[in-house]
Amino acid sequence: MALAAIKGDRTIVQLAEQFDVHPNQITAWKSQLEGSASEVFGSGGAPAIPAIDVKSLHAKIGELTLENDFLEGALTKAGLLSAKR
């Protein structure tokens, strides 16, 4: 509603009737949006993506693969793992 009020395509009274709210409420929302639009919509750029440490992820994958292989071998020797997935 605040965006519609800012666009100015329709009057505040028309918007109030359409959305079944008091015109003063639309005026208040419009003022709030105008005062903090940059906070609401940001600078328009892409959101900041945290840097990913690929080396540590590869190390973790290797660690988990080793652990998985070890446990699979141990379960096979113990007779608890009869068929591979």
PDB file of N, CA and C in Angstrom:
ATOM      1  N   MET A   1       0.816  -1.180   0.000  1.00  0.00           N
ATOM      2  CA  MET A   1       0.000   0.000   0.000  1.00  0.00           C
ATOM      3  C   MET A   1       0.865   1.251   0.000  1.00  0.00           C
ATOM      4  N   ALA A   2       1.955   1.220   0.787  1.00  0.00           N
ATOM      5  CA  ALA A   2       2.825   2.385   0.846  1.00  0.00           C
ATOM      6  C   ALA A   2       3.452   2.660  -0.517  1.00  0.00           C
ATOM      7  N   LEU A   3       3.846   1.603  -1.219  1.00  0.00           N
ATOM      8  CA  LEU A   3       4.412   1.781  -2.564  1.00  0.00           C
ATOM      9  C   LEU A   3       3.376   2.364  -3.510  1.00  0.00           C
ATOM     10  N   ALA A   4       2.154   1.883  -3.408  1.00  0.00           N
ATOM     11  CA  ALA A   4       1.091   2.404  -4.257  1.00  0.00           C
ATOM     12  C   ALA A   4       0.842   3.877  -3.960  1.00  0.00           C
ATOM     13  N   ALA A   5       0.926   4.246  -2.690  1.00  0.00           N
ATOM     14  CA  ALA A   5       0.734   5.651  -2.321  1.00  0.00           C
ATOM     15  C   ALA A   5       1.872   6.509  -2.851  1.00  0.00           C
ATOM     16  N   ILE A   6       3.091   5.969  -2.836  1.00  0.00           N
ATOM     17  CA  ILE A   6       4.234   6.723  -3.343  1.00  0.00           C
ATOM     18  C   ILE A   6       4.147   6.876  -4.865  1.00  0.00           C
ATOM     19  N   LYS A   7       3.702   5.814  -5.539  1.00  0.00           N
ATOM     20  CA  LYS A   7       3.569   5.891  -7.004  1.00  0.00           C
ATOM     21  C   LYS A   7       2.621   7.008  -7.411  1.00  0.00           C
ATOM     22  N   GLY A   8       1.550   7.170  -6.652  1.00  0.00           N
ATOM     23  CA  GLY A   8       0.617   8.238  -6.927  1.00  0.00           C
ATOM     24  C   GLY A   8      -0.386   7.935  -8.028  1.00  0.00           C
ATOM     25  N   ASP A   9      -0.511   6.660  -8.409  1.00  0.00           N
ATOM     26  CA  ASP A   9      -1.485   6.283  -9.436  1.00  0.00           C
ATOM     27  C   ASP A   9      -2.919   6.527  -8.967  1.00  0.00           C
ATOM     28  N   ARG A  10      -3.135   6.310  -7.681  1.00  0.00           N
ATOM     29  CA  ARG A  10      -4.455   6.523  -7.087  1.00  0.00           C
ATOM     30  C   ARG A  10      -4.298   7.409  -5.857  1.00  0.00           C
ATOM     31  N   THR A  11      -5.365   8.042  -5.469  1.00  0.00           N
ATOM     32  CA  THR A  11      -5.307   8.903  -4.281  1.00  0.00           C
ATOM     33  C   THR A  11      -5.275   8.037  -3.028  1.00  0.00           C
ATOM     34  N   ILE A  12      -4.894   8.670  -1.934  1.00  0.00           N
ATOM     35  CA  ILE A  12      -4.840   7.945  -0.664  1.00  0.00           C
ATOM     36  C   ILE A  12      -6.241   7.481  -0.262  1.00  0.00           C
ATOM     37  N   VAL A  13      -7.231   8.282  -0.552  1.00  0.00           N
ATOM     38  CA  VAL A  13      -8.611   7.905  -0.231  1.00  0.00           C
ATOM     39  C   VAL A  13      -9.023   6.671  -1.042  1.00  0.00           C
ATOM     40  N   GLN A  14      -8.657   6.641  -2.308  1.00  0.00           N
ATOM     41  CA  GLN A  14      -8.976   5.472  -3.133  1.00  0.00           C
ATOM     42  C   GLN A  14      -8.282   4.224  -2.609  1.00  0.00           C
ATOM     43  N   LEU A  15      -7.018   4.365  -2.230  1.00  0.00           N
ATOM     44  CA  LEU A  15      -6.290   3.219  -1.677  1.00  0.00           C
ATOM     45  C   LEU A  15      -6.910   2.760  -0.366  1.00  0.00           C
ATOM     46  N   ALA A  16      -7.314   3.707   0.463  1.00  0.00           N
ATOM     47  CA  ALA A  16      -7.934   3.371   1.743  1.00  0.00           C
ATOM     48  C   ALA A  16      -9.226   2.595   1.540  1.00  0.00           C
ATOM     49  N   GLU A  17     -10.005   3.002   0.561  1.00  0.00           N
ATOM     50  CA  GLU A  17     -11.249   2.279   0.267  1.00  0.00           C
ATOM     51  C   GLU A  17     -10.949   0.884  -0.291  1.00  0.00           C
ATOM     52  N   GLN A  18      -9.946   0.794  -1.155  1.00  0.00           N
ATOM     53  CA  GLN A  18      -9.611  -0.496  -1.771  1.00  0.00           C
ATOM     54  C   GLN A  18      -9.128  -1.495  -0.734  1.00  0.00           C
ATOM     55  N   PHE A  19      -8.266  -1.050   0.185  1.00  0.00           N
ATOM     56  CA  PHE A  19      -7.658  -1.966   1.159  1.00  0.00           C
ATOM     57  C   PHE A  19      -8.363  -1.950   2.508  1.00  0.00           C
ATOM     58  N   ASP A  20      -9.425  -1.190   2.623  1.00  0.00           N
ATOM     59  CA  ASP A  20     -10.246  -1.120   3.829  1.00  0.00           C
ATOM     60  C   ASP A  20      -9.416  -0.734   5.061  1.00  0.00           C
ATOM     61  N   VAL A  21      -8.656   0.344   4.923  1.00  0.00           N
ATOM     62  CA  VAL A  21      -7.910   0.917   6.044  1.00  0.00           C
ATOM     63  C   VAL A  21      -8.162   2.420   6.062  1.00  0.00           C
ATOM     64  N   HIS A  22      -7.824   3.050   7.162  1.00  0.00           N
ATOM     65  CA  HIS A  22      -8.022   4.495   7.291  1.00  0.00           C
ATOM     66  C   HIS A  22      -6.943   5.229   6.492  1.00  0.00           C
ATOM     67  N   PRO A  23      -7.305   6.310   5.838  1.00  0.00           N
ATOM     68  CA  PRO A  23      -6.325   7.067   5.054  1.00  0.00           C
ATOM     69  C   PRO A  23      -5.111   7.522   5.880  1.00  0.00           C
ATOM     70  N   ASN A  24      -5.329   7.817   7.162  1.00  0.00           N
ATOM     71  CA  ASN A  24      -4.205   8.232   8.008  1.00  0.00           C
ATOM     72  C   ASN A  24      -3.174   7.111   8.141  1.00  0.00           C
ATOM     73  N   GLN A  25      -3.634   5.871   8.149  1.00  0.00           N
ATOM     74  CA  GLN A  25      -2.710   4.732   8.262  1.00  0.00           C
ATOM     75  C   GLN A  25      -1.840   4.628   7.013  1.00  0.00           C
ATOM     76  N   ILE A  26      -2.447   4.823   5.857  1.00  0.00           N
ATOM     77  CA  ILE A  26      -1.669   4.776   4.609  1.00  0.00           C
ATOM     78  C   ILE A  26      -0.657   5.914   4.585  1.00  0.00           C
ATOM     79  N   THR A  27      -1.062   7.091   5.041  1.00  0.00           N
ATOM     80  CA  THR A  27      -0.135   8.222   5.094  1.00  0.00           C
ATOM     81  C   THR A  27       1.032   7.923   6.026  1.00  0.00           C
ATOM     82  N   ALA A  28       0.752   7.292   7.156  1.00  0.00           N
ATOM     83  CA  ALA A  28       1.818   6.940   8.105  1.00  0.00           C
ATOM     84  C   ALA A  28       2.769   5.913   7.486  1.00  0.00           C
ATOM     85  N   TRP A  29       2.218   4.907   6.826  1.00  0.00           N
ATOM     86  CA  TRP A  29       3.065   3.885   6.180  1.00  0.00           C
ATOM     87  C   TRP A  29       3.902   4.504   5.065  1.00  0.00           C
ATOM     88  N   LYS A  30       3.304   5.419   4.330  1.00  0.00           N
ATOM     89  CA  LYS A  30       4.025   6.087   3.246  1.00  0.00           C
ATOM     90  C   LYS A  30       5.206   6.874   3.818  1.00  0.00           C
ATOM     91  N   SER A  31       4.967   7.591   4.900  1.00  0.00           N
ATOM     92  CA  SER A  31       6.038   8.366   5.538  1.00  0.00           C
ATOM     93  C   SER A  31       7.143   7.457   6.061  1.00  0.00           C
ATOM     94  N   GLN A  32       6.751   6.345   6.672  1.00  0.00           N
ATOM     95  CA  GLN A  32       7.752   5.392   7.174  1.00  0.00           C
ATOM     96  C   GLN A  32       8.591   4.845   6.031  1.00  0.00           C
ATOM     97  N   LEU A  33       7.955   4.507   4.933  1.00  0.00           N
ATOM     98  CA  LEU A  33       8.679   3.958   3.793  1.00  0.00           C
ATOM     99  C   LEU A  33       9.621   4.994   3.186  1.00  0.00           C
ATOM    100  N   GLU A  34       9.149   6.209   3.063  1.00  0.00           N
ATOM    101  CA  GLU A  34      10.002   7.263   2.511  1.00  0.00           C
ATOM    102  C   GLU A  34      11.203   7.529   3.409  1.00  0.00           C
ATOM    103  N   GLY A  35      11.021   7.381   4.713  1.00  0.00           N
ATOM    104  CA  GLY A  35      12.108   7.637   5.649  1.00  0.00           C
ATOM    105  C   GLY A  35      13.117   6.517   5.740  1.00  0.00           C
ATOM    106  N   SER A  36      12.690   5.317   5.412  1.00  0.00           N
ATOM    107  CA  SER A  36      13.599   4.176   5.586  1.00  0.00           C
ATOM    108  C   SER A  36      13.617   3.236   4.392  1.00  0.00           C
ATOM    109  N   ALA A  37      13.358   3.731   3.225  1.00  0.00           N
ATOM    110  CA  ALA A  37      13.312   2.880   2.028  1.00  0.00           C
ATOM    111  C   ALA A  37      14.653   2.214   1.759  1.00  0.00           C
ATOM    112  N   SER A  38      15.746   2.928   2.000  1.00  0.00           N
ATOM    113  CA  SER A  38      17.059   2.325   1.730  1.00  0.00           C
ATOM    114  C   SER A  38      17.329   1.164   2.683  1.00  0.00           C
ATOM    115  N   GLU A  39      16.817   1.248   3.901  1.00  0.00           N
ATOM    116  CA  GLU A  39      16.991   0.141   4.848  1.00  0.00           C
ATOM    117  C   GLU A  39      16.122  -1.046   4.465  1.00  0.00           C
ATOM    118  N   VAL A  40      14.923  -0.762   3.974  1.00  0.00           N
ATOM    119  CA  VAL A  40      13.982  -1.827   3.624  1.00  0.00           C
ATOM    120  C   VAL A  40      14.432  -2.562   2.367  1.00  0.00           C
ATOM    121  N   PHE A  41      14.828  -1.803   1.344  1.00  0.00           N
ATOM    122  CA  PHE A  41      15.141  -2.411   0.064  1.00  0.00           C
ATOM    123  C   PHE A  41      16.632  -2.547  -0.192  1.00  0.00           C
ATOM    124  N   GLY A  42      17.457  -2.016   0.655  1.00  0.00           N
ATOM    125  CA  GLY A  42      18.900  -2.147   0.497  1.00  0.00           C
ATOM    126  C   GLY A  42      19.419  -1.268  -0.624  1.00  0.00           C
ATOM    127  N   SER A  43      20.682  -1.488  -0.953  1.00  0.00           N
ATOM    128  CA  SER A  43      21.329  -0.661  -1.961  1.00  0.00           C
ATOM    129  C   SER A  43      21.085  -1.172  -3.374  1.00  0.00           C
ATOM    130  N   GLY A  44      20.379  -2.256  -3.505  1.00  0.00           N
ATOM    131  CA  GLY A  44      20.096  -2.797  -4.825  1.00  0.00           C
ATOM    132  C   GLY A  44      21.123  -3.802  -5.295  1.00  0.00           C
ATOM    133  N   GLY A  45      22.219  -3.924  -4.571  1.00  0.00           N
ATOM    134  CA  GLY A  45      23.245  -4.893  -4.938  1.00  0.00           C
ATOM    135  C   GLY A  45      22.887  -6.274  -4.434  1.00  0.00           C
ATOM    136  N   ALA A  46      23.689  -7.217  -4.836  1.00  0.00           N
ATOM    137  CA  ALA A  46      23.471  -8.591  -4.388  1.00  0.00           C
ATOM    138  C   ALA A  46      23.805  -8.699  -2.909  1.00  0.00           C
ATOM    139  N   PRO A  47      23.129  -9.567  -2.190  1.00  0.00           N
ATOM    140  CA  PRO A  47      23.444  -9.735  -0.776  1.00  0.00           C
ATOM    141  C   PRO A  47      24.863 -10.255  -0.603  1.00  0.00           C
ATOM    142  N   ALA A  48      25.466  -9.838   0.483  1.00  0.00           N
ATOM    143  CA  ALA A  48      26.843 -10.245   0.738  1.00  0.00           C
ATOM    144  C   ALA A  48      26.898 -11.748   1.019  1.00  0.00           C
ATOM    145  N   ILE A  49      27.748 -12.429   0.290  1.00  0.00           N
ATOM    146  CA  ILE A  49      27.917 -13.867   0.463  1.00  0.00           C
ATOM    147  C   ILE A  49      29.217 -14.086   1.233  1.00  0.00           C
ATOM    148  N   PRO A  50      29.142 -14.801   2.332  1.00  0.00           N
ATOM    149  CA  PRO A  50      30.371 -15.009   3.100  1.00  0.00           C
ATOM    150  C   PRO A  50      31.391 -15.812   2.287  1.00  0.00           C
ATOM    151  N   ALA A  51      32.644 -15.497   2.502  1.00  0.00           N
ATOM    152  CA  ALA A  51      33.717 -16.202   1.794  1.00  0.00           C
ATOM    153  C   ALA A  51      33.737 -17.668   2.227  1.00  0.00           C
ATOM    154  N   ILE A  52      33.929 -18.537   1.275  1.00  0.00           N
ATOM    155  CA  ILE A  52      33.947 -19.968   1.553  1.00  0.00           C
ATOM    156  C   ILE A  52      35.386 -20.449   1.469  1.00  0.00           C
ATOM    157  N   ASP A  53      35.816 -21.135   2.518  1.00  0.00           N
ATOM    158  CA  ASP A  53      37.167 -21.675   2.546  1.00  0.00           C
ATOM    159  C   ASP A  53      37.133 -23.070   1.931  1.00  0.00           C
ATOM    160  N   VAL A  54      37.442 -23.141   0.637  1.00  0.00           N
ATOM    161  CA  VAL A  54      37.340 -24.385  -0.113  1.00  0.00           C
ATOM    162  C   VAL A  54      38.333 -25.422   0.408  1.00  0.00           C
ATOM    163  N   LYS A  55      39.518 -24.963   0.811  1.00  0.00           N
ATOM    164  CA  LYS A  55      40.524 -25.916   1.315  1.00  0.00           C
ATOM    165  C   LYS A  55      40.008 -26.656   2.542  1.00  0.00           C
ATOM    166  N   SER A  56      39.407 -25.937   3.465  1.00  0.00           N
ATOM    167  CA  SER A  56      38.917 -26.604   4.677  1.00  0.00           C
ATOM    168  C   SER A  56      37.750 -27.539   4.353  1.00  0.00           C
ATOM    169  N   LEU A  57      36.919 -27.163   3.372  1.00  0.00           N
ATOM    170  CA  LEU A  57      35.819 -28.041   2.981  1.00  0.00           C
ATOM    171  C   LEU A  57      36.337 -29.321   2.332  1.00  0.00           C
ATOM    172  N   HIS A  58      37.362 -29.192   1.491  1.00  0.00           N
ATOM    173  CA  HIS A  58      37.954 -30.385   0.881  1.00  0.00           C
ATOM    174  C   HIS A  58      38.601 -31.268   1.937  1.00  0.00           C
ATOM    175  N   ALA A  59      39.241 -30.645   2.929  1.00  0.00           N
ATOM    176  CA  ALA A  59      39.849 -31.421   4.016  1.00  0.00           C
ATOM    177  C   ALA A  59      38.783 -32.177   4.793  1.00  0.00           C
ATOM    178  N   LYS A  60      37.655 -31.527   5.064  1.00  0.00           N
ATOM    179  CA  LYS A  60      36.567 -32.176   5.801  1.00  0.00           C
ATOM    180  C   LYS A  60      35.976 -33.325   4.986  1.00  0.00           C
ATOM    181  N   ILE A  61      35.820 -33.125   3.678  1.00  0.00           N
ATOM    182  CA  ILE A  61      35.305 -34.194   2.815  1.00  0.00           C
ATOM    183  C   ILE A  61      36.245 -35.390   2.856  1.00  0.00           C
ATOM    184  N   GLY A  62      37.546 -35.139   2.770  1.00  0.00           N
ATOM    185  CA  GLY A  62      38.515 -36.229   2.836  1.00  0.00           C
ATOM    186  C   GLY A  62      38.459 -36.960   4.170  1.00  0.00           C
ATOM    187  N   GLU A  63      38.349 -36.186   5.254  1.00  0.00           N
ATOM    188  CA  GLU A  63      38.264 -36.781   6.595  1.00  0.00           C
ATOM    189  C   GLU A  63      37.034 -37.672   6.716  1.00  0.00           C
ATOM    190  N   LEU A  64      35.895 -37.185   6.262  1.00  0.00           N
ATOM    191  CA  LEU A  64      34.659 -37.963   6.358  1.00  0.00           C
ATOM    192  C   LEU A  64      34.689 -39.187   5.448  1.00  0.00           C
ATOM    193  N   THR A  65      35.328 -39.065   4.280  1.00  0.00           N
ATOM    194  CA  THR A  65      35.457 -40.207   3.382  1.00  0.00           C
ATOM    195  C   THR A  65      36.299 -41.299   4.023  1.00  0.00           C
ATOM    196  N   LEU A  66      37.423 -40.907   4.633  1.00  0.00           N
ATOM    197  CA  LEU A  66      38.271 -41.880   5.335  1.00  0.00           C
ATOM    198  C   LEU A  66      37.502 -42.563   6.456  1.00  0.00           C
ATOM    199  N   GLU A  67      36.794 -41.765   7.236  1.00  0.00           N
ATOM    200  CA  GLU A  67      36.019 -42.313   8.353  1.00  0.00           C
ATOM    201  C   GLU A  67      34.959 -43.280   7.845  1.00  0.00           C
ATOM    202  N   ASN A  68      34.270 -42.913   6.776  1.00  0.00           N
ATOM    203  CA  ASN A  68      33.232 -43.758   6.190  1.00  0.00           C
ATOM    204  C   ASN A  68      33.816 -45.084   5.693  1.00  0.00           C
ATOM    205  N   ASP A  69      34.943 -44.985   4.991  1.00  0.00           N
ATOM    206  CA  ASP A  69      35.584 -46.193   4.479  1.00  0.00           C
ATOM    207  C   ASP A  69      36.026 -47.109   5.622  1.00  0.00           C
ATOM    208  N   PHE A  70      36.598 -46.521   6.680  1.00  0.00           N
ATOM    209  CA  PHE A  70      37.046 -47.300   7.829  1.00  0.00           C
ATOM    210  C   PHE A  70      35.868 -48.018   8.485  1.00  0.00           C
ATOM    211  N   LEU A  71      34.786 -47.284   8.722  1.00  0.00           N
ATOM    212  CA  LEU A  71      33.625 -47.886   9.382  1.00  0.00           C
ATOM    213  C   LEU A  71      32.963 -48.942   8.503  1.00  0.00           C
ATOM    214  N   GLU A  72      32.931 -48.716   7.210  1.00  0.00           N
ATOM    215  CA  GLU A  72      32.363 -49.710   6.302  1.00  0.00           C
ATOM    216  C   GLU A  72      33.182 -50.998   6.352  1.00  0.00           C
ATOM    217  N   GLY A  73      34.508 -50.855   6.367  1.00  0.00           N
ATOM    218  CA  GLY A  73      35.374 -52.036   6.466  1.00  0.00           C
ATOM    219  C   GLY A  73      35.194 -52.772   7.781  1.00  0.00           C
ATOM    220  N   ALA A  74      35.092 -52.007   8.868  1.00  0.00           N
ATOM    221  CA  ALA A  74      34.919 -52.628  10.185  1.00  0.00           C
ATOM    222  C   ALA A  74      33.588 -53.365  10.273  1.00  0.00           C
ATOM    223  N   LEU A  75      32.534 -52.777   9.751  1.00  0.00           N
ATOM    224  CA  LEU A  75      31.220 -53.428   9.783  1.00  0.00           C
ATOM    225  C   LEU A  75      31.193 -54.668   8.891  1.00  0.00           C
ATOM    226  N   THR A  76      31.885 -54.610   7.773  1.00  0.00           N
ATOM    227  CA  THR A  76      31.946 -55.772   6.886  1.00  0.00           C
ATOM    228  C   THR A  76      32.674 -56.914   7.573  1.00  0.00           C
ATOM    229  N   LYS A  77      33.794 -56.601   8.238  1.00  0.00           N
ATOM    230  CA  LYS A  77      34.556 -57.639   8.950  1.00  0.00           C
ATOM    231  C   LYS A  77      33.745 -58.224  10.091  1.00  0.00           C
ATOM    232  N   ALA A  78      32.935 -57.416  10.731  1.00  0.00           N
ATOM    233  CA  ALA A  78      32.130 -57.889  11.847  1.00  0.00           C
ATOM    234  C   ALA A  78      30.885 -58.631  11.362  1.00  0.00           C
ATOM    235  N   GLY A  79      30.663 -58.636  10.069  1.00  0.00           N
ATOM    236  CA  GLY A  79      29.508 -59.338   9.519  1.00  0.00           C
ATOM    237  C   GLY A  79      28.210 -58.572   9.655  1.00  0.00           C
ATOM    238  N   LEU A  80      28.298 -57.293   9.979  1.00  0.00           N
ATOM    239  CA  LEU A  80      27.080 -56.501  10.145  1.00  0.00           C
ATOM    240  C   LEU A  80      26.674 -55.769   8.870  1.00  0.00           C
ATOM    241  N   LEU A  81      27.586 -55.751   7.897  1.00  0.00           N
ATOM    242  CA  LEU A  81      27.285 -55.096   6.628  1.00  0.00           C
ATOM    243  C   LEU A  81      27.507 -56.123   5.534  1.00  0.00           C
ATOM    244  N   SER A  82      26.400 -56.697   5.039  1.00  0.00           N
ATOM    245  CA  SER A  82      26.542 -57.793   4.082  1.00  0.00           C
ATOM    246  C   SER A  82      26.467 -57.326   2.634  1.00  0.00           C
ATOM    247  N   ALA A  83      25.728 -56.272   2.358  1.00  0.00           N
ATOM    248  CA  ALA A  83      25.570 -55.814   0.971  1.00  0.00           C
ATOM    249  C   ALA A  83      25.897 -54.331   0.888  1.00  0.00           C
ATOM    250  N   LYS A  84      26.548 -53.971  -0.182  1.00  0.00           N
ATOM    251  CA  LYS A  84      26.853 -52.551  -0.390  1.00  0.00           C
ATOM    252  C   LYS A  84      25.591 -51.829  -0.837  1.00  0.00           C
ATOM    253  N   ARG A  85      25.560 -50.562  -0.553  1.00  0.00           N
ATOM    254  CA  ARG A  85      24.411 -49.747  -0.950  1.00  0.00           C
ATOM    255  C   ARG A  85      24.491 -49.393  -2.381  1.00  0.00           C
TER     256      ARG A  85
END
